[in-house]
Protein backbone atom coordinates (compact mmCIF):
# COMPACT_ATOMS: atom_id res chain seq x y z
CA MET A 1 207.19 78.77 45.98
CA GLY A 2 206.40 79.93 49.50
CA GLU A 3 204.63 82.98 50.89
CA GLU A 4 207.39 85.36 49.67
CA THR A 5 206.33 84.71 46.02
CA THR A 6 204.48 87.54 44.41
CA THR A 7 200.78 86.77 44.02
CA THR A 8 198.13 88.46 41.92
CA MET A 9 194.92 87.17 43.59
CA ALA A 10 193.79 86.73 47.14
CA THR A 11 191.40 83.94 48.14
CA ASN A 12 189.09 83.51 51.11
CA MET A 13 189.84 79.81 51.40
CA ASN A 14 192.73 77.44 51.50
CA THR A 15 193.49 76.22 47.98
CA GLU A 16 195.58 73.25 47.12
CA TRP A 17 196.75 71.47 44.04
CA SER A 18 194.23 69.12 42.44
CA GLN A 19 194.40 65.66 43.93
CA ALA A 20 193.31 64.11 40.63
CA SER A 21 194.71 60.64 40.06
CA ASP A 22 195.75 61.46 36.48
CA GLU A 23 199.21 63.02 36.76
CA ARG A 24 198.65 65.00 33.57
CA MET A 25 195.89 66.95 35.36
CA ASP A 26 198.17 67.75 38.25
CA ASP A 27 200.94 68.85 35.88
CA ALA A 28 198.52 71.06 34.00
CA ARG A 29 197.56 72.94 37.18
CA LYS A 30 201.14 73.29 38.26
CA THR A 31 202.19 74.54 34.83
CA CYS A 32 199.53 77.24 34.96
CA LYS A 33 200.52 78.23 38.49
CA LEU A 34 204.22 78.44 37.73
CA THR A 35 203.66 80.27 34.46
CA SER A 36 201.43 82.76 36.32
CA TYR A 37 204.49 83.69 38.33
CA LEU A 38 206.96 83.68 35.47
CA LEU A 39 204.79 86.09 33.41
CA GLN A 40 204.87 88.78 36.08
CA TYR A 41 207.20 91.75 35.80
CA PRO A 42 210.80 90.59 36.47
CA ASP A 43 211.70 92.90 39.34
CA PRO A 44 214.37 91.92 41.92
CA ALA A 45 211.82 90.01 44.07
CA TRP A 46 210.74 88.06 40.99
CA ARG A 47 214.34 87.10 40.28
CA GLU A 48 214.83 85.88 43.81
CA GLY A 49 211.72 83.72 43.43
CA LEU A 50 213.22 81.86 40.50
CA ARG A 51 214.96 79.54 42.91
CA GLY A 52 211.63 78.47 44.29
CA VAL A 53 210.26 78.02 40.79
CA ARG A 54 213.20 75.77 39.91
CA THR A 55 212.48 73.63 42.93
CA ALA A 56 208.76 73.41 42.19
CA VAL A 57 209.37 72.43 38.56
CA GLN A 58 211.10 69.28 39.72
CA SER A 59 207.79 67.90 40.94
CA LEU A 60 206.38 67.85 37.40
CA THR A 61 206.09 64.39 35.83
CA ASP A 62 205.87 65.60 32.24
CA GLU A 63 209.42 65.94 30.95
CA THR A 64 208.54 68.37 28.15
CA MET A 65 206.86 70.79 30.58
CA LYS A 66 209.78 70.47 32.96
CA LYS A 67 212.32 71.17 30.24
CA ILE A 68 210.53 74.23 28.91
CA LEU A 69 210.16 75.77 32.38
CA LEU A 70 213.71 74.99 33.41
CA ASN A 71 215.09 76.38 30.15
CA PHE A 72 213.22 79.63 30.75
CA VAL A 73 214.45 79.93 34.37
CA GLY A 74 218.01 79.17 33.27
CA GLU A 75 217.89 81.78 30.52
CA ALA A 76 216.48 84.44 32.89
CA GLU A 77 219.13 83.69 35.53
CA SER A 78 221.98 83.79 33.01
CA VAL A 79 221.52 87.47 31.99
CA ASP A 80 221.56 90.86 33.68
CA SER A 81 218.35 91.87 35.43
CA THR A 82 218.01 95.12 33.42
CA TYR A 83 218.46 93.20 30.14
CA TRP A 84 215.69 90.79 31.11
CA GLN A 85 213.37 93.60 32.16
CA ASP A 86 213.95 95.22 28.76
CA LYS A 87 213.13 91.93 27.05
CA TYR A 88 209.90 91.65 29.03
CA VAL A 89 208.81 95.19 28.11
CA ARG A 90 209.63 94.67 24.43
CA THR A 91 207.66 91.44 24.42
CA PHE A 92 204.46 92.59 26.08
CA ASP A 93 204.18 96.38 26.00
CA PHE A 94 204.55 97.43 22.37
CA ASP A 95 201.89 95.43 20.56
CA LYS A 96 198.15 95.11 21.14
CA LYS A 97 198.32 91.48 20.17
CA SER A 98 200.92 90.58 22.82
CA ASN A 99 199.53 92.68 25.66
CA LEU A 100 199.07 90.60 28.85
CA TYR A 101 195.58 92.08 29.44
CA LEU A 102 193.45 89.52 27.60
CA THR A 103 190.40 91.66 26.82
CA TYR A 104 192.67 94.32 25.33
CA ALA A 105 193.72 91.83 22.65
CA LEU A 106 190.07 91.57 21.63
CA TYR A 107 188.65 95.06 22.24
CA GLY A 108 191.54 97.51 22.74
CA ASP A 109 190.13 100.49 24.60
CA GLU A 110 186.66 100.09 23.16
CA ARG A 111 183.55 100.19 25.40
CA ASP A 112 182.98 96.45 24.96
CA ARG A 113 185.99 95.83 27.13
CA GLY A 114 184.18 96.99 30.24
CA PRO A 115 181.49 94.28 30.28
CA ALA A 116 184.13 91.66 29.61
CA LEU A 117 186.12 92.79 32.66
CA ILE A 118 183.01 92.85 34.82
CA GLU A 119 182.10 89.30 33.71
CA LEU A 120 185.57 88.01 34.57
CA LYS A 121 185.43 89.61 38.03
CA ARG A 122 181.97 88.04 38.52
CA ARG A 123 183.34 84.60 37.69
CA TYR A 124 186.19 84.98 40.18
CA GLU A 125 183.92 86.08 42.97
CA ALA A 126 181.37 83.32 42.24
CA ALA A 127 184.16 80.83 42.78
CA GLY A 128 185.20 82.50 46.04
CA PHE A 129 188.30 84.29 44.73
CA TYR A 130 188.72 87.98 45.45
CA MET A 131 191.06 90.20 43.51
CA GLU A 132 193.63 92.59 44.80
CA LEU A 133 192.43 96.12 44.11
CA ASN A 134 195.48 97.18 42.07
CA GLU A 135 195.03 94.74 39.15
CA LEU A 136 192.48 94.19 36.37
CA PRO A 137 190.79 90.77 36.19
CA ASP A 138 192.02 90.03 32.67
CA TYR A 139 195.74 90.24 33.61
CA LEU A 140 197.09 86.94 32.32
CA PRO A 141 199.08 85.95 35.42
CA MET A 142 195.91 86.42 37.45
CA VAL A 143 193.83 84.41 34.98
CA LEU A 144 196.38 81.55 35.12
CA GLU A 145 196.42 81.56 38.90
CA PHE A 146 192.66 81.25 38.92
CA ILE A 147 192.76 78.41 36.35
CA ALA A 148 195.32 76.59 38.47
CA GLU A 149 193.35 76.69 41.68
CA ALA A 150 189.65 77.04 40.86
CA PRO A 151 187.16 74.17 40.67
CA SER A 152 186.78 72.61 37.22
CA GLU A 153 183.51 74.30 36.18
CA ASP A 154 184.70 77.78 37.20
CA ALA A 155 188.13 77.37 35.61
CA ASN A 156 186.71 76.11 32.35
CA GLY A 157 184.34 79.03 32.20
CA VAL A 158 187.21 81.45 32.37
CA ILE A 159 189.20 79.42 29.82
CA SER A 160 186.24 79.59 27.46
CA SER A 161 185.99 83.40 27.68
CA CYS A 162 189.76 83.97 27.36
CA TYR A 163 190.97 81.25 24.98
CA LYS A 164 190.93 83.25 21.75
CA SER A 165 192.88 86.10 23.32
CA LEU A 166 195.42 83.68 24.74
CA VAL A 167 195.95 82.19 21.29
CA THR A 168 196.42 85.68 19.82
CA ILE A 169 199.00 86.60 22.47
CA THR A 170 200.83 83.30 22.12
CA ASP A 171 201.09 83.54 18.36
CA SER A 172 202.37 87.13 18.62
CA VAL A 173 204.99 86.29 21.23
CA LEU A 174 206.13 83.21 19.34
CA GLY A 175 206.47 85.37 16.23
CA GLN A 176 208.83 87.65 18.17
CA LYS A 177 211.09 84.68 19.04
CA SER A 178 210.73 85.75 22.66
CA PRO A 179 211.71 83.33 25.46
CA TYR A 180 208.21 83.84 26.78
CA GLY A 181 206.74 82.18 23.67
CA PRO A 182 207.29 78.53 24.73
CA LEU A 183 205.78 79.25 28.13
CA LEU A 184 202.55 80.52 26.61
CA GLU A 185 202.43 77.75 24.06
CA GLN A 186 202.79 75.16 26.79
CA VAL A 187 199.82 76.64 28.62
CA LEU A 188 197.69 76.26 25.53
CA LYS A 189 198.80 72.63 25.27
CA VAL A 190 197.65 71.79 28.86
CA ILE A 191 194.32 73.61 28.95
CA PRO A 192 191.25 72.29 27.04
CA LYS A 193 190.26 74.05 23.88
CA PRO A 194 186.61 75.21 24.22
CA ASP A 195 184.10 73.66 21.84
CA HIS A 196 182.91 77.05 20.64
CA VAL A 197 186.31 78.18 19.35
CA ASP A 198 186.35 78.56 15.57
CA GLU A 199 188.25 75.97 13.59
CA GLU A 200 190.45 78.61 12.01
CA VAL A 201 191.90 79.54 15.38
CA HIS A 202 195.38 78.13 15.53
CA ASP A 203 195.18 75.03 17.67
CA HIS A 204 198.11 74.62 20.07
CA SER A 205 196.18 72.23 22.28
CA ALA A 206 196.20 68.85 20.55
CA ALA A 207 197.39 67.16 23.71
CA ALA A 208 194.61 68.66 25.77
CA HIS A 209 191.81 66.93 23.85
CA SER A 210 192.78 63.58 25.31
CA VAL A 211 192.10 64.91 28.82
CA PRO A 212 188.88 66.94 28.47
CA THR A 213 188.24 67.02 32.24
CA TRP A 214 191.83 67.82 33.22
CA MET A 215 190.72 69.91 36.16
CA GLY A 216 188.05 67.52 37.29
CA ARG A 217 188.70 67.62 41.06
CA GLY A 218 189.80 71.16 41.80
CA SER A 219 189.33 72.27 45.41
CA ARG A 220 187.13 75.07 46.65
């Protein structure tokens, strides 16, 4: 998407897409990366970046992923910018369960949220990723960017800590019939469901179980 694309995390190293031989792994990383961008606030710069997203989507080999992402981009491009911004705010800003800050879905403003944020920041820094100062570490676009580019062990650790919150957000947004719902659901289908997650948690990730080491050769 080029350097002009809005980013949510800075890194002290050059990061590239996984070179894993399994194309599904590569598609999973790209899906997380592209969704990280699409979930950011749709300001004018975001809208301009949709052209780059459309180009990047063409490199996906999974036709379902490609269709979902292209449908989203097409819908966003087909309406007025102010209308889409209103849709974004209505989707993510009026319900605790659909808030893009993952620990908020679990803790709200309770004191337990602080340690969870500190632990996420620690995981990022341990992997060599350093946050921009103006964003919290549980902001979903940032989390997805980390998952897309971090080594397998580090990415899976973050997935494990955030998975339940991501399911909560996804179910809430799907219930709203928001165009953002299919994006979130697709992320859950390409990341591995952690073993510790309770059985009663709605499982969107049936496809992921066939590729348990989907991020096996991430770069540092």
